[in-house]
Amino acid sequence: NSEDVRCKCICPPYKDHSGHIYNKNVSQKDCDCLHVVEPMPVPGPDVEAYCLRCECKYEERSSVTIKVNQCNSGIY
């Protein structure tokens, strides 16, 4: 598989929960807090407020390019 696609959500600290980065392989349309943040660290009433703080980005990259760059730099 030469394509690596994922959604990355960066969620800052909220109440007594520390910040966290979530990664999940989902489609671009599902790249949001509700589809990526698992398990949800906050109870039902706080989910909306928590998710509004999270920044989610869809990333698409070539695994072949990453492997070539790692080999050229001596990283395996």
PDB file of N, CA and C in Angstrom:
ATOM      1  N   ASN A   1       0.850  -1.185   0.000  1.00  0.00           N
ATOM      2  CA  ASN A   1       0.000   0.000   0.000  1.00  0.00           C
ATOM      3  C   ASN A   1       0.889   1.239   0.000  1.00  0.00           C
ATOM      4  N   SER A   2       0.852   2.016  -1.078  1.00  0.00           N
ATOM      5  CA  SER A   2       1.743   3.159  -1.186  1.00  0.00           C
ATOM      6  C   SER A   2       1.125   4.445  -0.645  1.00  0.00           C
ATOM      7  N   GLU A   3      -0.172   4.442  -0.396  1.00  0.00           N
ATOM      8  CA  GLU A   3      -0.822   5.635   0.132  1.00  0.00           C
ATOM      9  C   GLU A   3      -1.139   5.447   1.619  1.00  0.00           C
ATOM     10  N   ASP A   4      -0.802   6.429   2.399  1.00  0.00           N
ATOM     11  CA  ASP A   4      -1.092   6.407   3.826  1.00  0.00           C
ATOM     12  C   ASP A   4      -1.995   7.602   4.102  1.00  0.00           C
ATOM     13  N   VAL A   5      -3.236   7.352   4.438  1.00  0.00           N
ATOM     14  CA  VAL A   5      -4.169   8.438   4.726  1.00  0.00           C
ATOM     15  C   VAL A   5      -4.647   8.300   6.160  1.00  0.00           C
ATOM     16  N   ARG A   6      -4.780   9.416   6.804  1.00  0.00           N
ATOM     17  CA  ARG A   6      -5.251   9.376   8.175  1.00  0.00           C
ATOM     18  C   ARG A   6      -5.801  10.734   8.559  1.00  0.00           C
ATOM     19  N   CYS A   7      -6.504  10.729   9.641  1.00  0.00           N
ATOM     20  CA  CYS A   7      -7.001  11.958  10.226  1.00  0.00           C
ATOM     21  C   CYS A   7      -6.278  12.124  11.565  1.00  0.00           C
ATOM     22  N   LYS A   8      -5.794  13.320  11.786  1.00  0.00           N
ATOM     23  CA  LYS A   8      -5.070  13.615  13.019  1.00  0.00           C
ATOM     24  C   LYS A   8      -5.812  14.719  13.761  1.00  0.00           C
ATOM     25  N   CYS A   9      -6.208  14.422  14.992  1.00  0.00           N
ATOM     26  CA  CYS A   9      -6.886  15.411  15.834  1.00  0.00           C
ATOM     27  C   CYS A   9      -5.996  15.765  17.017  1.00  0.00           C
ATOM     28  N   ILE A  10      -5.755  17.044  17.179  1.00  0.00           N
ATOM     29  CA  ILE A  10      -4.977  17.532  18.314  1.00  0.00           C
ATOM     30  C   ILE A  10      -5.954  18.208  19.266  1.00  0.00           C
ATOM     31  N   CYS A  11      -6.076  17.624  20.448  1.00  0.00           N
ATOM     32  CA  CYS A  11      -7.032  18.139  21.437  1.00  0.00           C
ATOM     33  C   CYS A  11      -6.262  18.688  22.635  1.00  0.00           C
ATOM     34  N   PRO A  12      -6.467  19.968  22.942  1.00  0.00           N
ATOM     35  CA  PRO A  12      -5.765  20.579  24.085  1.00  0.00           C
ATOM     36  C   PRO A  12      -6.368  20.102  25.408  1.00  0.00           C
ATOM     37  N   PRO A  13      -5.707  20.414  26.510  1.00  0.00           N
ATOM     38  CA  PRO A  13      -6.260  20.033  27.816  1.00  0.00           C
ATOM     39  C   PRO A  13      -7.670  20.593  28.007  1.00  0.00           C
ATOM     40  N   TYR A  14      -8.498  19.828  28.679  1.00  0.00           N
ATOM     41  CA  TYR A  14      -9.881  20.239  28.952  1.00  0.00           C
ATOM     42  C   TYR A  14     -10.255  19.766  30.349  1.00  0.00           C
ATOM     43  N   LYS A  15     -10.635  20.712  31.191  1.00  0.00           N
ATOM     44  CA  LYS A  15     -10.972  20.416  32.593  1.00  0.00           C
ATOM     45  C   LYS A  15      -9.848  19.586  33.224  1.00  0.00           C
ATOM     46  N   ASP A  16     -10.145  18.380  33.711  1.00  0.00           N
ATOM     47  CA  ASP A  16      -9.096  17.581  34.359  1.00  0.00           C
ATOM     48  C   ASP A  16      -8.468  16.564  33.406  1.00  0.00           C
ATOM     49  N   HIS A  17      -8.651  16.745  32.096  1.00  0.00           N
ATOM     50  CA  HIS A  17      -8.077  15.827  31.104  1.00  0.00           C
ATOM     51  C   HIS A  17      -6.889  16.504  30.421  1.00  0.00           C
ATOM     52  N   SER A  18      -5.778  15.784  30.301  1.00  0.00           N
ATOM     53  CA  SER A  18      -4.608  16.346  29.634  1.00  0.00           C
ATOM     54  C   SER A  18      -4.840  16.355  28.119  1.00  0.00           C
ATOM     55  N   GLY A  19      -4.031  17.138  27.412  1.00  0.00           N
ATOM     56  CA  GLY A  19      -4.130  17.194  25.958  1.00  0.00           C
ATOM     57  C   GLY A  19      -3.718  15.862  25.346  1.00  0.00           C
ATOM     58  N   HIS A  20      -4.202  15.607  24.125  1.00  0.00           N
ATOM     59  CA  HIS A  20      -3.903  14.323  23.488  1.00  0.00           C
ATOM     60  C   HIS A  20      -3.962  14.473  21.975  1.00  0.00           C
ATOM     61  N   ILE A  21      -3.176  13.657  21.281  1.00  0.00           N
ATOM     62  CA  ILE A  21      -3.205  13.604  19.822  1.00  0.00           C
ATOM     63  C   ILE A  21      -3.781  12.259  19.415  1.00  0.00           C
ATOM     64  N   TYR A  22      -4.793  12.294  18.566  1.00  0.00           N
ATOM     65  CA  TYR A  22      -5.460  11.078  18.097  1.00  0.00           C
ATOM     66  C   TYR A  22      -5.218  10.923  16.598  1.00  0.00           C
ATOM     67  N   ASN A  23      -4.897   9.717  16.167  1.00  0.00           N
ATOM     68  CA  ASN A  23      -4.733   9.402  14.751  1.00  0.00           C
ATOM     69  C   ASN A  23      -5.626   8.226  14.411  1.00  0.00           C
ATOM     70  N   LYS A  24      -6.297   8.315  13.269  1.00  0.00           N
ATOM     71  CA  LYS A  24      -7.150   7.212  12.848  1.00  0.00           C
ATOM     72  C   LYS A  24      -7.269   7.229  11.328  1.00  0.00           C
ATOM     73  N   ASN A  25      -7.290   6.054  10.736  1.00  0.00           N
ATOM     74  CA  ASN A  25      -7.492   5.944   9.299  1.00  0.00           C
ATOM     75  C   ASN A  25      -8.989   6.001   9.011  1.00  0.00           C
ATOM     76  N   VAL A  26      -9.449   7.155   8.578  1.00  0.00           N
ATOM     77  CA  VAL A  26     -10.855   7.366   8.210  1.00  0.00           C
ATOM     78  C   VAL A  26     -10.889   8.151   6.909  1.00  0.00           C
ATOM     79  N   SER A  27     -12.049   8.189   6.279  1.00  0.00           N
ATOM     80  CA  SER A  27     -12.182   8.964   5.050  1.00  0.00           C
ATOM     81  C   SER A  27     -12.144  10.456   5.391  1.00  0.00           C
ATOM     82  N   GLN A  28     -11.905  11.264   4.369  1.00  0.00           N
ATOM     83  CA  GLN A  28     -11.804  12.702   4.590  1.00  0.00           C
ATOM     84  C   GLN A  28     -13.095  13.274   5.166  1.00  0.00           C
ATOM     85  N   LYS A  29     -14.248  12.745   4.741  1.00  0.00           N
ATOM     86  CA  LYS A  29     -15.529  13.269   5.244  1.00  0.00           C
ATOM     87  C   LYS A  29     -15.746  12.913   6.719  1.00  0.00           C
ATOM     88  N   ASP A  30     -15.074  11.870   7.207  1.00  0.00           N
ATOM     89  CA  ASP A  30     -15.211  11.470   8.611  1.00  0.00           C
ATOM     90  C   ASP A  30     -14.081  12.007   9.489  1.00  0.00           C
ATOM     91  N   CYS A  31     -13.306  12.930   8.940  1.00  0.00           N
ATOM     92  CA  CYS A  31     -12.175  13.475   9.695  1.00  0.00           C
ATOM     93  C   CYS A  31     -12.672  14.567  10.640  1.00  0.00           C
ATOM     94  N   ASP A  32     -13.197  14.124  11.760  1.00  0.00           N
ATOM     95  CA  ASP A  32     -13.648  15.055  12.791  1.00  0.00           C
ATOM     96  C   ASP A  32     -13.534  14.376  14.156  1.00  0.00           C
ATOM     97  N   CYS A  33     -13.683  15.157  15.183  1.00  0.00           N
ATOM     98  CA  CYS A  33     -13.520  14.683  16.554  1.00  0.00           C
ATOM     99  C   CYS A  33     -14.409  13.482  16.870  1.00  0.00           C
ATOM    100  N   LEU A  34     -15.659  13.525  16.446  1.00  0.00           N
ATOM    101  CA  LEU A  34     -16.594  12.458  16.792  1.00  0.00           C
ATOM    102  C   LEU A  34     -16.219  11.110  16.184  1.00  0.00           C
ATOM    103  N   HIS A  35     -15.524  11.119  15.037  1.00  0.00           N
ATOM    104  CA  HIS A  35     -15.137   9.869  14.384  1.00  0.00           C
ATOM    105  C   HIS A  35     -13.729   9.402  14.759  1.00  0.00           C
ATOM    106  N   VAL A  36     -12.904  10.316  15.255  1.00  0.00           N
ATOM    107  CA  VAL A  36     -11.486   9.989  15.468  1.00  0.00           C
ATOM    108  C   VAL A  36     -11.130   9.805  16.939  1.00  0.00           C
ATOM    109  N   VAL A  37     -11.723  10.598  17.806  1.00  0.00           N
ATOM    110  CA  VAL A  37     -11.361  10.546  19.231  1.00  0.00           C
ATOM    111  C   VAL A  37     -12.038   9.344  19.882  1.00  0.00           C
ATOM    112  N   GLU A  38     -11.239   8.307  20.097  1.00  0.00           N
ATOM    113  CA  GLU A  38     -11.717   7.081  20.751  1.00  0.00           C
ATOM    114  C   GLU A  38     -10.631   6.566  21.687  1.00  0.00           C
ATOM    115  N   PRO A  39     -10.971   6.236  22.904  1.00  0.00           N
ATOM    116  CA  PRO A  39     -12.268   6.466  23.536  1.00  0.00           C
ATOM    117  C   PRO A  39     -12.439   7.955  23.870  1.00  0.00           C
ATOM    118  N   MET A  40     -13.661   8.416  23.849  1.00  0.00           N
ATOM    119  CA  MET A  40     -13.955   9.813  24.192  1.00  0.00           C
ATOM    120  C   MET A  40     -13.642   9.993  25.681  1.00  0.00           C
ATOM    121  N   PRO A  41     -12.739  10.933  25.998  1.00  0.00           N
ATOM    122  CA  PRO A  41     -12.288  11.059  27.398  1.00  0.00           C
ATOM    123  C   PRO A  41     -13.255  11.800  28.318  1.00  0.00           C
ATOM    124  N   VAL A  42     -14.302  12.389  27.756  1.00  0.00           N
ATOM    125  CA  VAL A  42     -15.230  13.167  28.582  1.00  0.00           C
ATOM    126  C   VAL A  42     -16.642  12.574  28.497  1.00  0.00           C
ATOM    127  N   PRO A  43     -17.463  12.804  29.512  1.00  0.00           N
ATOM    128  CA  PRO A  43     -18.837  12.282  29.487  1.00  0.00           C
ATOM    129  C   PRO A  43     -19.714  13.046  28.485  1.00  0.00           C
ATOM    130  N   GLY A  44     -20.845  12.467  28.128  1.00  0.00           N
ATOM    131  CA  GLY A  44     -21.776  12.996  27.137  1.00  0.00           C
ATOM    132  C   GLY A  44     -21.988  14.503  27.114  1.00  0.00           C
ATOM    133  N   PRO A  45     -22.333  15.133  28.250  1.00  0.00           N
ATOM    134  CA  PRO A  45     -22.611  16.574  28.233  1.00  0.00           C
ATOM    135  C   PRO A  45     -21.407  17.433  27.833  1.00  0.00           C
ATOM    136  N   ASP A  46     -20.182  16.918  28.002  1.00  0.00           N
ATOM    137  CA  ASP A  46     -18.970  17.685  27.698  1.00  0.00           C
ATOM    138  C   ASP A  46     -18.403  17.405  26.307  1.00  0.00           C
ATOM    139  N   VAL A  47     -18.968  16.445  25.583  1.00  0.00           N
ATOM    140  CA  VAL A  47     -18.404  16.043  24.284  1.00  0.00           C
ATOM    141  C   VAL A  47     -18.347  17.207  23.302  1.00  0.00           C
ATOM    142  N   GLU A  48     -19.423  17.956  23.179  1.00  0.00           N
ATOM    143  CA  GLU A  48     -19.440  19.055  22.215  1.00  0.00           C
ATOM    144  C   GLU A  48     -18.380  20.110  22.543  1.00  0.00           C
ATOM    145  N   ALA A  49     -18.291  20.497  23.799  1.00  0.00           N
ATOM    146  CA  ALA A  49     -17.305  21.499  24.212  1.00  0.00           C
ATOM    147  C   ALA A  49     -15.882  20.979  23.999  1.00  0.00           C
ATOM    148  N   TYR A  50     -15.666  19.703  24.299  1.00  0.00           N
ATOM    149  CA  TYR A  50     -14.343  19.101  24.114  1.00  0.00           C
ATOM    150  C   TYR A  50     -13.969  19.092  22.631  1.00  0.00           C
ATOM    151  N   CYS A  51     -14.898  18.643  21.793  1.00  0.00           N
ATOM    152  CA  CYS A  51     -14.623  18.526  20.361  1.00  0.00           C
ATOM    153  C   CYS A  51     -14.403  19.877  19.692  1.00  0.00           C
ATOM    154  N   LEU A  52     -15.060  20.912  20.167  1.00  0.00           N
ATOM    155  CA  LEU A  52     -14.862  22.241  19.596  1.00  0.00           C
ATOM    156  C   LEU A  52     -13.431  22.734  19.794  1.00  0.00           C
ATOM    157  N   ARG A  53     -12.755  22.214  20.809  1.00  0.00           N
ATOM    158  CA  ARG A  53     -11.375  22.616  21.083  1.00  0.00           C
ATOM    159  C   ARG A  53     -10.366  21.851  20.221  1.00  0.00           C
ATOM    160  N   CYS A  54     -10.784  20.706  19.697  1.00  0.00           N
ATOM    161  CA  CYS A  54      -9.875  19.854  18.928  1.00  0.00           C
ATOM    162  C   CYS A  54      -9.708  20.370  17.506  1.00  0.00           C
ATOM    163  N   GLU A  55      -8.496  20.251  16.999  1.00  0.00           N
ATOM    164  CA  GLU A  55      -8.214  20.619  15.610  1.00  0.00           C
ATOM    165  C   GLU A  55      -7.903  19.341  14.850  1.00  0.00           C
ATOM    166  N   CYS A  56      -8.742  19.015  13.863  1.00  0.00           N
ATOM    167  CA  CYS A  56      -8.570  17.789  13.089  1.00  0.00           C
ATOM    168  C   CYS A  56      -8.151  18.117  11.670  1.00  0.00           C
ATOM    169  N   LYS A  57      -7.141  17.393  11.183  1.00  0.00           N
ATOM    170  CA  LYS A  57      -6.641  17.595   9.819  1.00  0.00           C
ATOM    171  C   LYS A  57      -6.525  16.255   9.122  1.00  0.00           C
ATOM    172  N   TYR A  58      -6.932  16.247   7.862  1.00  0.00           N
ATOM    173  CA  TYR A  58      -6.813  15.055   7.035  1.00  0.00           C
ATOM    174  C   TYR A  58      -5.448  15.078   6.384  1.00  0.00           C
ATOM    175  N   GLU A  59      -4.706  13.977   6.503  1.00  0.00           N
ATOM    176  CA  GLU A  59      -3.359  13.891   5.948  1.00  0.00           C
ATOM    177  C   GLU A  59      -3.284  12.751   4.955  1.00  0.00           C
ATOM    178  N   GLU A  60      -2.643  13.019   3.842  1.00  0.00           N
ATOM    179  CA  GLU A  60      -2.424  11.996   2.825  1.00  0.00           C
ATOM    180  C   GLU A  60      -0.961  12.075   2.436  1.00  0.00           C
ATOM    181  N   ARG A  61      -0.276  10.952   2.533  1.00  0.00           N
ATOM    182  CA  ARG A  61       1.140  10.952   2.208  1.00  0.00           C
ATOM    183  C   ARG A  61       1.515   9.635   1.571  1.00  0.00           C
ATOM    184  N   SER A  62       2.620   9.633   0.892  1.00  0.00           N
ATOM    185  CA  SER A  62       3.073   8.435   0.208  1.00  0.00           C
ATOM    186  C   SER A  62       4.058   7.673   1.093  1.00  0.00           C
ATOM    187  N   SER A  63       3.716   6.439   1.431  1.00  0.00           N
ATOM    188  CA  SER A  63       4.601   5.602   2.248  1.00  0.00           C
ATOM    189  C   SER A  63       5.900   5.309   1.509  1.00  0.00           C
ATOM    190  N   VAL A  64       5.837   5.202   0.185  1.00  0.00           N
ATOM    191  CA  VAL A  64       7.040   4.933  -0.617  1.00  0.00           C
ATOM    192  C   VAL A  64       8.025   6.079  -0.455  1.00  0.00           C
ATOM    193  N   THR A  65       7.551   7.315  -0.556  1.00  0.00           N
ATOM    194  CA  THR A  65       8.423   8.477  -0.392  1.00  0.00           C
ATOM    195  C   THR A  65       9.027   8.496   1.000  1.00  0.00           C
ATOM    196  N   ILE A  66       8.240   8.181   2.006  1.00  0.00           N
ATOM    197  CA  ILE A  66       8.745   8.162   3.382  1.00  0.00           C
ATOM    198  C   ILE A  66       9.846   7.117   3.519  1.00  0.00           C
ATOM    199  N   LYS A  67       9.639   5.899   2.967  1.00  0.00           N
ATOM    200  CA  LYS A  67      10.651   4.844   3.054  1.00  0.00           C
ATOM    201  C   LYS A  67      11.925   5.239   2.321  1.00  0.00           C
ATOM    202  N   VAL A  68      11.801   5.844   1.145  1.00  0.00           N
ATOM    203  CA  VAL A  68      12.972   6.272   0.388  1.00  0.00           C
ATOM    204  C   VAL A  68      13.745   7.319   1.172  1.00  0.00           C
ATOM    205  N   ASN A  69      13.054   8.296   1.744  1.00  0.00           N
ATOM    206  CA  ASN A  69      13.717   9.333   2.520  1.00  0.00           C
ATOM    207  C   ASN A  69      14.402   8.749   3.752  1.00  0.00           C
ATOM    208  N   GLN A  70      13.781   7.772   4.391  1.00  0.00           N
ATOM    209  CA  GLN A  70      14.398   7.151   5.569  1.00  0.00           C
ATOM    210  C   GLN A  70      15.650   6.399   5.157  1.00  0.00           C
ATOM    211  N   CYS A  71      15.612   5.684   4.045  1.00  0.00           N
ATOM    212  CA  CYS A  71      16.780   4.933   3.584  1.00  0.00           C
ATOM    213  C   CYS A  71      17.914   5.881   3.214  1.00  0.00           C
ATOM    214  N   ASN A  72      17.595   6.972   2.552  1.00  0.00           N
ATOM    215  CA  ASN A  72      18.622   7.920   2.141  1.00  0.00           C
ATOM    216  C   ASN A  72      19.271   8.615   3.328  1.00  0.00           C
ATOM    217  N   SER A  73      18.554   8.762   4.407  1.00  0.00           N
ATOM    218  CA  SER A  73      19.111   9.432   5.567  1.00  0.00           C
ATOM    219  C   SER A  73      19.704   8.442   6.571  1.00  0.00           C
ATOM    220  N   GLY A  74      19.652   7.167   6.249  1.00  0.00           N
ATOM    221  CA  GLY A  74      20.241   6.152   7.126  1.00  0.00           C
ATOM    222  C   GLY A  74      19.337   5.746   8.270  1.00  0.00           C
ATOM    223  N   ILE A  75      18.066   6.104   8.227  1.00  0.00           N
ATOM    224  CA  ILE A  75      17.112   5.736   9.276  1.00  0.00           C
ATOM    225  C   ILE A  75      16.329   4.519   8.804  1.00  0.00           C
ATOM    226  N   TYR A  76      16.265   3.486   9.657  1.00  0.00           N
ATOM    227  CA  TYR A  76      15.519   2.271   9.264  1.00  0.00           C
ATOM    228  C   TYR A  76      14.517   1.902  10.328  1.00  0.00           C
TER     229      TYR A  76
END
